[in-house]
Amino acid sequence: MNLSLEEIAAKFNGSIEGEAGLKVNQLSKIETAQLGSLSFLSHKKYASFLYTTKASAVLIKKEFFLESKVQTALIRVEDPYLAFTALLMEEAKSQQKTFSGIDKSAIISPQAKLAPDVYVGPNVTLGACTLEAGVQIHSNCFVGDQVFIGKNTKLNPNVTLLDDTTIGANCIFHSGVVIGSDGFGFAPQASGAYMKIPQLGKVVIEENVELGANVTIDRATLGATHIATGVKLDNMVQVAHNVEIGAHTVIAAQTGISGSTKIGSHCVIGGQVGFAGHITIGDRVQIQGQTGVTKSIPNAGDYQGTPAMEYRSYYKSYALFKQFPKIEARLRALEKKIKP
């Protein structure tokens, strides 16, 4: 990038405190930025770095109050985080590599239907699938039979899409994603052994979904495991059979969702959360990291703990829990005083 502060301010209806013609050539974190770079400040946790940063310019909120003089130029905008993200997207687009054609090492079924401009990388295997315009399948991916992939979806290296999987447009799957493995279904027998339950369903993923590295989404026993529009799953999230996740829900790393659980739209799920099976989570629910969700949560709100409870109730209980050793000592002292 090579933009003047004036050009940046114009993009976001911002105002400049400093030299408008000053140019920046890279984007950096505020704590490690060097001369020539642009950074941003949106969280008060990093406010102290504003007074020590070596960045040439920093995006800050319009109403931000300076406690002392700064050495960097400032661009005041409505939302520094969104403005910086927009600049990151522009920079990423400028650096994006162009891929085209079908590598000669790819193995492609005669029944596969490929749009003319798809990219198929080295050592890819394609079954009787359908790839729409702009799809990118990078090296060592496997795509099975009766798989449909919508326009401009990108599979990074080593992604596996097993049979009967439907993927919408503009999705991004990172390396190691596995879609359509058998759900974890086993029926206990009188002998103590387990009989495998056939998993005959499919996986449906709508458009604009992004899956982090090593995400696994199991096929349904019957029907479909369903991921709605705009869902974002972090690395190593496990989605079991017949799970449904509503539109624009985001889930952080190492979360596990047991079979037939339904999660609503616009939910925010922290890392290492565990969901029991056959429960329902309503829309706009926020669940803090390492929470154990054992029952349905129908109403929007913040939840934490195992079993999950309302966020404020959890912290009131936790405050008491931390005091239990002192409370016990006081009780023992009182017992000694009242003993005959």
C-alpha atoms as a PDB file:
ATOM      1  CA  MET A   1       0.000   0.000   0.000  1.00  0.00           C
ATOM      2  CA  ASN A   2       1.027   3.610  -0.517  1.00  0.00           C
ATOM      3  CA  LEU A   3      -1.683   5.996   0.692  1.00  0.00           C
ATOM      4  CA  SER A   4      -1.674   9.521   2.066  1.00  0.00           C
ATOM      5  CA  LEU A   5      -3.506  10.331   5.281  1.00  0.00           C
ATOM      6  CA  GLU A   6      -5.799  12.521   3.209  1.00  0.00           C
ATOM      7  CA  GLU A   7      -6.762   9.548   1.028  1.00  0.00           C
ATOM      8  CA  ILE A   8      -7.380   7.339   4.072  1.00  0.00           C
ATOM      9  CA  ALA A   9      -9.472   9.978   5.841  1.00  0.00           C
ATOM     10  CA  ALA A  10     -11.591  10.446   2.708  1.00  0.00           C
ATOM     11  CA  LYS A  11     -12.419   6.720   2.641  1.00  0.00           C
ATOM     12  CA  PHE A  12     -13.943   6.810   6.124  1.00  0.00           C
ATOM     13  CA  ASN A  13     -15.190  10.385   6.482  1.00  0.00           C
ATOM     14  CA  GLY A  14     -12.403  11.047   8.971  1.00  0.00           C
ATOM     15  CA  SER A  15     -10.503  14.112  10.171  1.00  0.00           C
ATOM     16  CA  ILE A  16      -6.726  14.446  10.317  1.00  0.00           C
ATOM     17  CA  GLU A  17      -4.530  15.731  13.114  1.00  0.00           C
ATOM     18  CA  GLY A  18      -1.153  15.997  11.448  1.00  0.00           C
ATOM     19  CA  GLU A  19       0.263  16.299   7.940  1.00  0.00           C
ATOM     20  CA  ALA A  20      -2.459  15.406   5.424  1.00  0.00           C
ATOM     21  CA  GLY A  21       0.043  14.590   2.673  1.00  0.00           C
ATOM     22  CA  LEU A  22       2.022  12.126   4.817  1.00  0.00           C
ATOM     23  CA  LYS A  23       2.073   8.660   3.232  1.00  0.00           C
ATOM     24  CA  VAL A  24       2.014   5.227   4.864  1.00  0.00           C
ATOM     25  CA  ASN A  25       3.096   1.997   3.207  1.00  0.00           C
ATOM     26  CA  GLN A  26       2.108  -0.771   5.609  1.00  0.00           C
ATOM     27  CA  LEU A  27      -0.429  -1.780   8.250  1.00  0.00           C
ATOM     28  CA  SER A  28       0.823  -2.695  11.725  1.00  0.00           C
ATOM     29  CA  LYS A  29      -0.189  -3.428  15.310  1.00  0.00           C
ATOM     30  CA  ILE A  30       0.075  -0.327  17.462  1.00  0.00           C
ATOM     31  CA  GLU A  31       2.559  -1.852  19.906  1.00  0.00           C
ATOM     32  CA  THR A  32       5.059  -2.969  17.238  1.00  0.00           C
ATOM     33  CA  ALA A  33       4.468  -0.388  14.489  1.00  0.00           C
ATOM     34  CA  GLN A  34       7.431   1.341  12.852  1.00  0.00           C
ATOM     35  CA  LEU A  35       7.875   4.558  10.895  1.00  0.00           C
ATOM     36  CA  GLY A  36       5.872   4.498   7.668  1.00  0.00           C
ATOM     37  CA  SER A  37       3.101   2.304   9.045  1.00  0.00           C
ATOM     38  CA  LEU A  38      -0.567   2.899   9.883  1.00  0.00           C
ATOM     39  CA  SER A  39      -2.122   1.389  13.001  1.00  0.00           C
ATOM     40  CA  PHE A  40      -5.393   1.697  14.924  1.00  0.00           C
ATOM     41  CA  LEU A  41      -6.701   1.975  18.468  1.00  0.00           C
ATOM     42  CA  SER A  42     -10.170   0.686  19.310  1.00  0.00           C
ATOM     43  CA  HIS A  43      -9.790  -0.972  22.743  1.00  0.00           C
ATOM     44  CA  LYS A  44      -8.854   0.924  25.897  1.00  0.00           C
ATOM     45  CA  LYS A  45      -6.555  -1.953  26.863  1.00  0.00           C
ATOM     46  CA  TYR A  46      -4.083  -0.682  24.244  1.00  0.00           C
ATOM     47  CA  ALA A  47      -4.530   3.049  24.887  1.00  0.00           C
ATOM     48  CA  SER A  48      -1.111   3.448  26.523  1.00  0.00           C
ATOM     49  CA  PHE A  49       0.595   2.417  23.263  1.00  0.00           C
ATOM     50  CA  LEU A  50      -0.809   5.502  21.535  1.00  0.00           C
ATOM     51  CA  TYR A  51       1.713   7.616  23.431  1.00  0.00           C
ATOM     52  CA  THR A  52       4.712   5.387  22.651  1.00  0.00           C
ATOM     53  CA  THR A  53       3.984   3.960  19.185  1.00  0.00           C
ATOM     54  CA  LYS A  54       6.416   4.601  16.343  1.00  0.00           C
ATOM     55  CA  ALA A  55       3.618   4.403  13.758  1.00  0.00           C
ATOM     56  CA  SER A  56       3.404   7.337  11.372  1.00  0.00           C
ATOM     57  CA  ALA A  57      -0.371   7.493  11.852  1.00  0.00           C
ATOM     58  CA  VAL A  58      -3.069   5.875  13.993  1.00  0.00           C
ATOM     59  CA  LEU A  59      -6.809   5.515  13.407  1.00  0.00           C
ATOM     60  CA  ILE A  60      -8.737   6.484  16.554  1.00  0.00           C
ATOM     61  CA  LYS A  61     -12.358   7.163  17.477  1.00  0.00           C
ATOM     62  CA  LYS A  62     -13.689  10.629  16.753  1.00  0.00           C
ATOM     63  CA  GLU A  63     -14.429  11.283  20.412  1.00  0.00           C
ATOM     64  CA  PHE A  64     -11.177   9.839  21.836  1.00  0.00           C
ATOM     65  CA  PHE A  65      -9.686  12.161  24.492  1.00  0.00           C
ATOM     66  CA  LEU A  66      -5.906  12.561  24.507  1.00  0.00           C
ATOM     67  CA  GLU A  67      -4.381  12.500  27.969  1.00  0.00           C
ATOM     68  CA  SER A  68      -1.078  13.909  26.721  1.00  0.00           C
ATOM     69  CA  LYS A  69       0.746  14.838  23.529  1.00  0.00           C
ATOM     70  CA  VAL A  70       1.374  12.115  20.926  1.00  0.00           C
ATOM     71  CA  GLN A  71       4.199  11.801  18.417  1.00  0.00           C
ATOM     72  CA  THR A  72       2.081  10.209  15.704  1.00  0.00           C
ATOM     73  CA  ALA A  73      -0.445  11.706  13.299  1.00  0.00           C
ATOM     74  CA  LEU A  74      -4.076  10.853  14.064  1.00  0.00           C
ATOM     75  CA  ILE A  75      -7.035  10.054  11.825  1.00  0.00           C
ATOM     76  CA  ARG A  76     -10.289  10.326  13.743  1.00  0.00           C
ATOM     77  CA  VAL A  77     -13.030   8.037  12.373  1.00  0.00           C
ATOM     78  CA  GLU A  78     -16.340   6.606  13.547  1.00  0.00           C
ATOM     79  CA  ASP A  79     -15.029   3.048  13.978  1.00  0.00           C
ATOM     80  CA  PRO A  80     -11.223   2.524  13.842  1.00  0.00           C
ATOM     81  CA  TYR A  81     -11.525  -1.269  13.904  1.00  0.00           C
ATOM     82  CA  LEU A  82     -13.849  -1.421  10.893  1.00  0.00           C
ATOM     83  CA  ALA A  83     -11.773   1.146   9.012  1.00  0.00           C
ATOM     84  CA  PHE A  84      -8.571  -0.801   9.641  1.00  0.00           C
ATOM     85  CA  THR A  85     -10.310  -4.039   8.622  1.00  0.00           C
ATOM     86  CA  ALA A  86     -11.428  -2.440   5.349  1.00  0.00           C
ATOM     87  CA  LEU A  87      -7.821  -1.409   4.646  1.00  0.00           C
ATOM     88  CA  LEU A  88      -6.628  -4.931   5.476  1.00  0.00           C
ATOM     89  CA  MET A  89      -9.136  -6.311   2.966  1.00  0.00           C
ATOM     90  CA  GLU A  90      -7.882  -3.928   0.283  1.00  0.00           C
ATOM     91  CA  GLU A  91      -4.287  -4.922   0.988  1.00  0.00           C
ATOM     92  CA  ALA A  92      -5.123  -8.637   0.951  1.00  0.00           C
ATOM     93  CA  LYS A  93      -6.912  -8.238  -2.390  1.00  0.00           C
ATOM     94  CA  SER A  94      -3.884  -6.485  -3.883  1.00  0.00           C
ATOM     95  CA  GLN A  95      -1.639  -9.364  -2.776  1.00  0.00           C
ATOM     96  CA  GLN A  96      -4.010 -12.128  -3.879  1.00  0.00           C
ATOM     97  CA  LYS A  97      -2.499 -14.700  -6.199  1.00  0.00           C
ATOM     98  CA  THR A  98      -4.293 -15.684  -9.369  1.00  0.00           C
ATOM     99  CA  PHE A  99      -4.937 -19.377  -9.983  1.00  0.00           C
ATOM    100  CA  SER A 100      -6.307 -20.884 -13.164  1.00  0.00           C
ATOM    101  CA  GLY A 101      -6.524 -24.145 -15.042  1.00  0.00           C
ATOM    102  CA  ILE A 102      -6.517 -27.794 -14.085  1.00  0.00           C
ATOM    103  CA  ASP A 103      -3.278 -29.402 -12.941  1.00  0.00           C
ATOM    104  CA  LYS A 104      -2.293 -32.461 -14.964  1.00  0.00           C
ATOM    105  CA  SER A 105      -1.930 -34.557 -11.784  1.00  0.00           C
ATOM    106  CA  ALA A 106      -5.602 -34.090 -10.830  1.00  0.00           C
ATOM    107  CA  ILE A 107      -7.893 -37.129 -11.028  1.00  0.00           C
ATOM    108  CA  ILE A 108     -11.347 -36.126 -12.264  1.00  0.00           C
ATOM    109  CA  SER A 109     -14.409 -38.325 -12.736  1.00  0.00           C
ATOM    110  CA  PRO A 110     -15.943 -38.299 -16.234  1.00  0.00           C
ATOM    111  CA  GLN A 111     -19.242 -37.432 -14.498  1.00  0.00           C
ATOM    112  CA  ALA A 112     -17.836 -34.266 -12.894  1.00  0.00           C
ATOM    113  CA  LYS A 113     -19.314 -30.970 -14.118  1.00  0.00           C
ATOM    114  CA  LEU A 114     -16.831 -28.112 -13.996  1.00  0.00           C
ATOM    115  CA  ALA A 115     -17.416 -24.488 -14.965  1.00  0.00           C
ATOM    116  CA  PRO A 116     -14.831 -23.279 -17.509  1.00  0.00           C
ATOM    117  CA  ASP A 117     -12.933 -21.029 -15.094  1.00  0.00           C
ATOM    118  CA  VAL A 118     -12.519 -23.312 -12.064  1.00  0.00           C
ATOM    119  CA  TYR A 119      -9.056 -23.972 -10.647  1.00  0.00           C
ATOM    120  CA  VAL A 120      -8.063 -27.538  -9.738  1.00  0.00           C
ATOM    121  CA  GLY A 121      -4.645 -27.897  -8.123  1.00  0.00           C
ATOM    122  CA  PRO A 122      -2.073 -30.696  -7.896  1.00  0.00           C
ATOM    123  CA  ASN A 123      -3.131 -34.152  -6.695  1.00  0.00           C
ATOM    124  CA  VAL A 124      -6.805 -33.207  -6.348  1.00  0.00           C
ATOM    125  CA  THR A 125      -9.408 -35.964  -6.671  1.00  0.00           C
ATOM    126  CA  LEU A 126     -12.876 -35.047  -7.940  1.00  0.00           C
ATOM    127  CA  GLY A 127     -15.788 -37.485  -8.013  1.00  0.00           C
ATOM    128  CA  ALA A 128     -19.092 -36.955  -9.778  1.00  0.00           C
ATOM    129  CA  CYS A 129     -19.413 -33.424  -8.442  1.00  0.00           C
ATOM    130  CA  THR A 130     -20.526 -30.008  -9.712  1.00  0.00           C
ATOM    131  CA  LEU A 131     -18.247 -26.966  -9.443  1.00  0.00           C
ATOM    132  CA  GLU A 132     -19.681 -23.574 -10.343  1.00  0.00           C
ATOM    133  CA  ALA A 133     -17.805 -20.563 -11.745  1.00  0.00           C
ATOM    134  CA  GLY A 134     -14.781 -19.275  -9.862  1.00  0.00           C
ATOM    135  CA  VAL A 135     -14.365 -22.281  -7.557  1.00  0.00           C
ATOM    136  CA  GLN A 136     -10.802 -22.973  -6.393  1.00  0.00           C
ATOM    137  CA  ILE A 137      -9.780 -26.472  -5.294  1.00  0.00           C
ATOM    138  CA  HIS A 138      -6.184 -26.412  -4.049  1.00  0.00           C
ATOM    139  CA  SER A 139      -3.674 -29.234  -3.762  1.00  0.00           C
ATOM    140  CA  ASN A 140      -4.483 -32.623  -2.238  1.00  0.00           C
ATOM    141  CA  CYS A 141      -8.204 -31.980  -1.781  1.00  0.00           C
ATOM    142  CA  PHE A 142     -10.769 -34.761  -2.146  1.00  0.00           C
ATOM    143  CA  VAL A 143     -14.298 -34.051  -3.401  1.00  0.00           C
ATOM    144  CA  GLY A 144     -16.696 -36.995  -3.524  1.00  0.00           C
ATOM    145  CA  ASP A 145     -19.788 -37.871  -5.536  1.00  0.00           C
ATOM    146  CA  GLN A 146     -22.994 -35.814  -5.484  1.00  0.00           C
ATOM    147  CA  VAL A 147     -21.105 -32.830  -4.118  1.00  0.00           C
ATOM    148  CA  PHE A 148     -22.170 -29.347  -5.227  1.00  0.00           C
ATOM    149  CA  ILE A 149     -19.886 -26.316  -4.724  1.00  0.00           C
ATOM    150  CA  GLY A 150     -21.245 -22.817  -5.383  1.00  0.00           C
ATOM    151  CA  LYS A 151     -19.593 -19.886  -7.115  1.00  0.00           C
ATOM    152  CA  ASN A 152     -16.234 -18.528  -5.924  1.00  0.00           C
ATOM    153  CA  THR A 153     -15.873 -20.968  -3.041  1.00  0.00           C
ATOM    154  CA  LYS A 154     -12.276 -21.774  -2.120  1.00  0.00           C
ATOM    155  CA  LEU A 155     -10.935 -25.020  -0.665  1.00  0.00           C
ATOM    156  CA  ASN A 156      -7.419 -24.637   0.716  1.00  0.00           C
ATOM    157  CA  PRO A 157      -5.026 -27.622   0.567  1.00  0.00           C
ATOM    158  CA  ASN A 158      -6.035 -30.937   2.138  1.00  0.00           C
ATOM    159  CA  VAL A 159      -9.781 -30.339   2.456  1.00  0.00           C
ATOM    160  CA  THR A 160     -12.071 -33.380   2.251  1.00  0.00           C
ATOM    161  CA  LEU A 161     -15.684 -33.156   1.068  1.00  0.00           C
ATOM    162  CA  LEU A 162     -17.305 -36.575   1.198  1.00  0.00           C
ATOM    163  CA  ASP A 163     -20.376 -37.696  -0.774  1.00  0.00           C
ATOM    164  CA  ASP A 164     -23.726 -35.871  -0.632  1.00  0.00           C
ATOM    165  CA  THR A 165     -22.399 -32.495   0.474  1.00  0.00           C
ATOM    166  CA  THR A 166     -23.788 -29.152  -0.694  1.00  0.00           C
ATOM    167  CA  ILE A 167     -21.651 -26.008  -0.360  1.00  0.00           C
ATOM    168  CA  GLY A 168     -22.929 -22.512  -1.152  1.00  0.00           C
ATOM    169  CA  ALA A 169     -21.193 -19.614  -2.872  1.00  0.00           C
ATOM    170  CA  ASN A 170     -18.296 -17.545  -1.530  1.00  0.00           C
ATOM    171  CA  CYS A 171     -17.246 -19.979   1.182  1.00  0.00           C
ATOM    172  CA  ILE A 172     -13.674 -20.441   2.442  1.00  0.00           C
ATOM    173  CA  PHE A 173     -12.530 -23.755   3.920  1.00  0.00           C
ATOM    174  CA  HIS A 174      -9.067 -23.846   5.478  1.00  0.00           C
ATOM    175  CA  SER A 175      -6.677 -26.786   5.453  1.00  0.00           C
ATOM    176  CA  GLY A 176      -7.718 -29.992   7.147  1.00  0.00           C
ATOM    177  CA  VAL A 177     -11.477 -29.402   7.008  1.00  0.00           C
ATOM    178  CA  VAL A 178     -13.458 -32.650   6.755  1.00  0.00           C
ATOM    179  CA  ILE A 179     -17.120 -32.480   5.750  1.00  0.00           C
ATOM    180  CA  GLY A 180     -19.449 -35.461   5.653  1.00  0.00           C
ATOM    181  CA  SER A 181     -17.796 -38.048   7.877  1.00  0.00           C
ATOM    182  CA  ASP A 182     -20.152 -40.472   9.584  1.00  0.00           C
ATOM    183  CA  GLY A 183     -21.922 -39.132  12.654  1.00  0.00           C
ATOM    184  CA  PHE A 184     -21.002 -40.753  15.968  1.00  0.00           C
ATOM    185  CA  GLY A 185     -23.920 -43.137  16.202  1.00  0.00           C
ATOM    186  CA  PHE A 186     -23.665 -46.523  17.948  1.00  0.00           C
ATOM    187  CA  ALA A 187     -26.470 -48.571  19.511  1.00  0.00           C
ATOM    188  CA  PRO A 188     -25.603 -50.483  22.727  1.00  0.00           C
ATOM    189  CA  GLN A 189     -26.253 -54.227  22.570  1.00  0.00           C
ATOM    190  CA  ALA A 190     -27.170 -56.718  25.281  1.00  0.00           C
ATOM    191  CA  SER A 191     -23.689 -58.208  24.964  1.00  0.00           C
ATOM    192  CA  GLY A 192     -22.132 -54.868  25.921  1.00  0.00           C
ATOM    193  CA  ALA A 193     -20.879 -54.246  22.404  1.00  0.00           C
ATOM    194  CA  TYR A 194     -21.981 -51.357  20.170  1.00  0.00           C
ATOM    195  CA  MET A 195     -23.637 -51.647  16.772  1.00  0.00           C
ATOM    196  CA  LYS A 196     -22.851 -48.929  14.236  1.00  0.00           C
ATOM    197  CA  ILE A 197     -25.917 -46.938  13.158  1.00  0.00           C
ATOM    198  CA  PRO A 198     -25.797 -46.179   9.413  1.00  0.00           C
ATOM    199  CA  GLN A 199     -25.413 -42.483   8.661  1.00  0.00           C
ATOM    200  CA  LEU A 200     -27.461 -41.929   5.514  1.00  0.00           C
ATOM    201  CA  GLY A 201     -27.968 -38.159   5.607  1.00  0.00           C
ATOM    202  CA  LYS A 202     -25.959 -35.285   4.168  1.00  0.00           C
ATOM    203  CA  VAL A 203     -24.358 -31.923   4.990  1.00  0.00           C
ATOM    204  CA  VAL A 204     -25.715 -28.612   3.690  1.00  0.00           C
ATOM    205  CA  ILE A 205     -23.617 -25.458   4.058  1.00  0.00           C
ATOM    206  CA  GLU A 206     -25.022 -22.173   2.789  1.00  0.00           C
ATOM    207  CA  GLU A 207     -23.147 -19.198   1.301  1.00  0.00           C
ATOM    208  CA  ASN A 208     -20.437 -16.994   2.879  1.00  0.00           C
ATOM    209  CA  VAL A 209     -19.410 -19.592   5.453  1.00  0.00           C
ATOM    210  CA  GLU A 210     -15.786 -19.741   6.627  1.00  0.00           C
ATOM    211  CA  LEU A 211     -14.370 -22.832   8.335  1.00  0.00           C
ATOM    212  CA  GLY A 212     -11.016 -22.757  10.141  1.00  0.00           C
ATOM    213  CA  ALA A 213      -8.309 -25.408   9.974  1.00  0.00           C
ATOM    214  CA  ASN A 214      -9.341 -28.927  11.006  1.00  0.00           C
ATOM    215  CA  VAL A 215     -13.044 -28.193  11.423  1.00  0.00           C
ATOM    216  CA  THR A 216     -15.117 -31.368  11.183  1.00  0.00           C
ATOM    217  CA  ILE A 217     -18.813 -31.466  10.270  1.00  0.00           C
ATOM    218  CA  ASP A 218     -20.506 -34.884  10.328  1.00  0.00           C
ATOM    219  CA  ARG A 219     -23.211 -36.039   7.963  1.00  0.00           C
ATOM    220  CA  ALA A 220     -26.688 -36.531   9.405  1.00  0.00           C
ATOM    221  CA  THR A 221     -28.076 -39.910  10.365  1.00  0.00           C
ATOM    222  CA  LEU A 222     -31.133 -38.949   8.291  1.00  0.00           C
ATOM    223  CA  GLY A 223     -31.882 -35.546   6.788  1.00  0.00           C
ATOM    224  CA  ALA A 224     -29.109 -32.938   6.941  1.00  0.00           C
ATOM    225  CA  THR A 225     -26.551 -31.352   9.191  1.00  0.00           C
ATOM    226  CA  HIS A 226     -27.167 -27.697   8.319  1.00  0.00           C
ATOM    227  CA  ILE A 227     -24.887 -24.643   8.515  1.00  0.00           C
ATOM    228  CA  ALA A 228     -26.668 -21.403   7.567  1.00  0.00           C
ATOM    229  CA  THR A 229     -25.475 -18.291   5.752  1.00  0.00           C
ATOM    230  CA  GLY A 230     -22.544 -16.348   7.150  1.00  0.00           C
ATOM    231  CA  VAL A 231     -21.506 -18.779   9.889  1.00  0.00           C
ATOM    232  CA  LYS A 232     -17.829 -18.572  10.934  1.00  0.00           C
ATOM    233  CA  LEU A 233     -16.186 -21.510  12.711  1.00  0.00           C
ATOM    234  CA  ASP A 234     -12.698 -21.242  14.202  1.00  0.00           C
ATOM    235  CA  ASN A 235     -10.044 -23.979  14.078  1.00  0.00           C
ATOM    236  CA  MET A 236     -10.856 -27.440  15.437  1.00  0.00           C
ATOM    237  CA  VAL A 237     -14.597 -27.022  15.939  1.00  0.00           C
ATOM    238  CA  GLN A 238     -16.533 -30.305  15.923  1.00  0.00           C
ATOM    239  CA  VAL A 239     -20.109 -30.294  14.592  1.00  0.00           C
ATOM    240  CA  ALA A 240     -21.909 -33.598  15.106  1.00  0.00           C
ATOM    241  CA  HIS A 241     -24.685 -35.232  13.082  1.00  0.00           C
ATOM    242  CA  ASN A 242     -27.973 -33.385  12.542  1.00  0.00           C
ATOM    243  CA  VAL A 243     -26.710 -30.196  14.200  1.00  0.00           C
ATOM    244  CA  GLU A 244     -28.195 -26.942  12.896  1.00  0.00           C
ATOM    245  CA  ILE A 245     -26.352 -23.601  13.211  1.00  0.00           C
ATOM    246  CA  GLY A 246     -28.246 -20.405  12.394  1.00  0.00           C
ATOM    247  CA  ALA A 247     -27.160 -17.526  10.188  1.00  0.00           C
ATOM    248  CA  HIS A 248     -24.169 -15.353  11.157  1.00  0.00           C
ATOM    249  CA  THR A 249     -23.278 -17.298  14.292  1.00  0.00           C
ATOM    250  CA  VAL A 250     -19.572 -17.320  15.189  1.00  0.00           C
ATOM    251  CA  ILE A 251     -17.886 -20.087  17.189  1.00  0.00           C
ATOM    252  CA  ALA A 252     -14.328 -20.010  18.568  1.00  0.00           C
ATOM    253  CA  ALA A 253     -11.771 -22.828  18.578  1.00  0.00           C
ATOM    254  CA  GLN A 254     -12.120 -26.267  20.163  1.00  0.00           C
ATOM    255  CA  THR A 255     -15.860 -26.061  20.699  1.00  0.00           C
ATOM    256  CA  GLY A 256     -17.781 -29.327  20.398  1.00  0.00           C
ATOM    257  CA  ILE A 257     -21.468 -29.563  19.483  1.00  0.00           C
ATOM    258  CA  SER A 258     -23.218 -32.857  20.163  1.00  0.00           C
ATOM    259  CA  GLY A 259     -25.744 -34.453  17.843  1.00  0.00           C
ATOM    260  CA  SER A 260     -29.116 -32.880  16.982  1.00  0.00           C
ATOM    261  CA  THR A 261     -28.395 -29.638  18.854  1.00  0.00           C
ATOM    262  CA  LYS A 262     -29.849 -26.490  17.271  1.00  0.00           C
ATOM    263  CA  ILE A 263     -28.033 -23.166  17.660  1.00  0.00           C
ATOM    264  CA  GLY A 264     -29.800 -19.974  16.632  1.00  0.00           C
ATOM    265  CA  SER A 265     -28.676 -17.047  14.507  1.00  0.00           C
ATOM    266  CA  HIS A 266     -26.276 -14.240  15.486  1.00  0.00           C
ATOM    267  CA  CYS A 267     -24.910 -16.211  18.440  1.00  0.00           C
ATOM    268  CA  VAL A 268     -21.355 -15.716  19.741  1.00  0.00           C
ATOM    269  CA  ILE A 269     -19.772 -18.862  21.194  1.00  0.00           C
ATOM    270  CA  GLY A 270     -16.393 -18.749  22.972  1.00  0.00           C
ATOM    271  CA  GLY A 271     -13.600 -21.300  22.795  1.00  0.00           C
ATOM    272  CA  GLN A 272     -13.747 -24.790  24.340  1.00  0.00           C
ATOM    273  CA  VAL A 273     -17.502 -24.670  24.878  1.00  0.00           C
ATOM    274  CA  GLY A 274     -19.237 -28.043  25.090  1.00  0.00           C
ATOM    275  CA  PHE A 275     -22.854 -28.562  24.028  1.00  0.00           C
ATOM    276  CA  ALA A 276     -24.911 -31.563  25.110  1.00  0.00           C
ATOM    277  CA  GLY A 277     -27.017 -33.207  22.430  1.00  0.00           C
ATOM    278  CA  HIS A 278     -30.676 -32.586  21.551  1.00  0.00           C
ATOM    279  CA  ILE A 279     -30.855 -29.070  23.026  1.00  0.00           C
ATOM    280  CA  THR A 280     -31.883 -25.757  21.472  1.00  0.00           C
ATOM    281  CA  ILE A 281     -30.064 -22.423  21.746  1.00  0.00           C
ATOM    282  CA  GLY A 282     -32.034 -19.310  20.831  1.00  0.00           C
ATOM    283  CA  ASP A 283     -30.975 -16.368  18.679  1.00  0.00           C
ATOM    284  CA  ARG A 284     -28.381 -13.811  19.875  1.00  0.00           C
ATOM    285  CA  VAL A 285     -27.092 -15.933  22.736  1.00  0.00           C
ATOM    286  CA  GLN A 286     -23.529 -15.264  23.898  1.00  0.00           C
ATOM    287  CA  ILE A 287     -21.663 -18.078  25.628  1.00  0.00           C
ATOM    288  CA  GLN A 288     -18.316 -17.485  27.348  1.00  0.00           C
ATOM    289  CA  GLY A 289     -15.330 -19.790  26.842  1.00  0.00           C
ATOM    290  CA  GLN A 290     -15.150 -23.186  28.577  1.00  0.00           C
ATOM    291  CA  THR A 291     -18.858 -23.190  29.357  1.00  0.00           C
ATOM    292  CA  GLY A 292     -20.705 -26.491  29.540  1.00  0.00           C
ATOM    293  CA  VAL A 293     -24.176 -26.155  28.003  1.00  0.00           C
ATOM    294  CA  THR A 294     -26.278 -29.047  29.294  1.00  0.00           C
ATOM    295  CA  LYS A 295     -29.794 -27.642  28.769  1.00  0.00           C
ATOM    296  CA  SER A 296     -31.600 -25.508  26.204  1.00  0.00           C
ATOM    297  CA  ILE A 297     -31.150 -21.727  26.377  1.00  0.00           C
ATOM    298  CA  PRO A 298     -34.191 -20.173  24.695  1.00  0.00           C
ATOM    299  CA  ASN A 299     -33.552 -16.497  25.459  1.00  0.00           C
ATOM    300  CA  ALA A 300     -30.877 -14.069  24.276  1.00  0.00           C
ATOM    301  CA  GLY A 301     -28.272 -13.134  26.883  1.00  0.00           C
ATOM    302  CA  ASP A 302     -24.777 -13.878  28.210  1.00  0.00           C
ATOM    303  CA  TYR A 303     -24.046 -17.252  29.814  1.00  0.00           C
ATOM    304  CA  GLN A 304     -21.095 -18.895  31.526  1.00  0.00           C
ATOM    305  CA  GLY A 305     -20.188 -21.824  33.771  1.00  0.00           C
ATOM    306  CA  THR A 306     -20.875 -25.547  33.928  1.00  0.00           C
ATOM    307  CA  PRO A 307     -23.769 -26.036  33.836  1.00  0.00           C
ATOM    308  CA  ALA A 308     -24.325 -22.768  31.985  1.00  0.00           C
ATOM    309  CA  MET A 309     -26.037 -19.965  33.889  1.00  0.00           C
ATOM    310  CA  GLU A 310     -26.697 -16.282  33.336  1.00  0.00           C
ATOM    311  CA  TYR A 311     -23.376 -14.409  33.230  1.00  0.00           C
ATOM    312  CA  ARG A 312     -23.968 -12.097  36.221  1.00  0.00           C
ATOM    313  CA  SER A 313     -25.350 -14.920  38.357  1.00  0.00           C
ATOM    314  CA  TYR A 314     -22.274 -16.958  37.543  1.00  0.00           C
ATOM    315  CA  TYR A 315     -19.902 -14.268  38.750  1.00  0.00           C
ATOM    316  CA  LYS A 316     -21.917 -13.666  41.926  1.00  0.00           C
ATOM    317  CA  SER A 317     -21.714 -17.388  42.643  1.00  0.00           C
ATOM    318  CA  TYR A 318     -18.030 -17.490  41.744  1.00  0.00           C
ATOM    319  CA  ALA A 319     -17.286 -14.603  44.117  1.00  0.00           C
ATOM    320  CA  LEU A 320     -18.806 -16.664  46.943  1.00  0.00           C
ATOM    321  CA  PHE A 321     -17.070 -19.838  45.799  1.00  0.00           C
ATOM    322  CA  LYS A 322     -13.658 -18.169  46.120  1.00  0.00           C
ATOM    323  CA  GLN A 323     -14.505 -17.247  49.707  1.00  0.00           C
ATOM    324  CA  PHE A 324     -15.483 -20.798  50.772  1.00  0.00           C
ATOM    325  CA  PRO A 325     -12.138 -21.597  52.498  1.00  0.00           C
ATOM    326  CA  LYS A 326     -12.437 -18.425  54.609  1.00  0.00           C
ATOM    327  CA  ILE A 327     -16.119 -19.103  55.288  1.00  0.00           C
ATOM    328  CA  GLU A 328     -15.287 -22.656  56.401  1.00  0.00           C
ATOM    329  CA  ALA A 329     -12.570 -21.375  58.736  1.00  0.00           C
ATOM    330  CA  ARG A 330     -15.007 -18.890  60.294  1.00  0.00           C
ATOM    331  CA  LEU A 331     -17.615 -21.643  60.771  1.00  0.00           C
ATOM    332  CA  ARG A 332     -15.080 -23.919  62.455  1.00  0.00           C
ATOM    333  CA  ALA A 333     -14.046 -21.074  64.758  1.00  0.00           C
ATOM    334  CA  LEU A 334     -17.685 -20.445  65.665  1.00  0.00           C
ATOM    335  CA  GLU A 335     -18.261 -24.152  66.290  1.00  0.00           C
ATOM    336  CA  LYS A 336     -15.368 -24.202  68.762  1.00  0.00           C
ATOM    337  CA  LYS A 337     -16.819 -21.218  70.597  1.00  0.00           C
ATOM    338  CA  ILE A 338     -20.300 -22.671  70.963  1.00  0.00           C
ATOM    339  CA  LYS A 339     -19.262 -26.218  71.888  1.00  0.00           C
ATOM    340  CA  PRO A 340     -20.117 -26.976  75.569  1.00  0.00           C
END
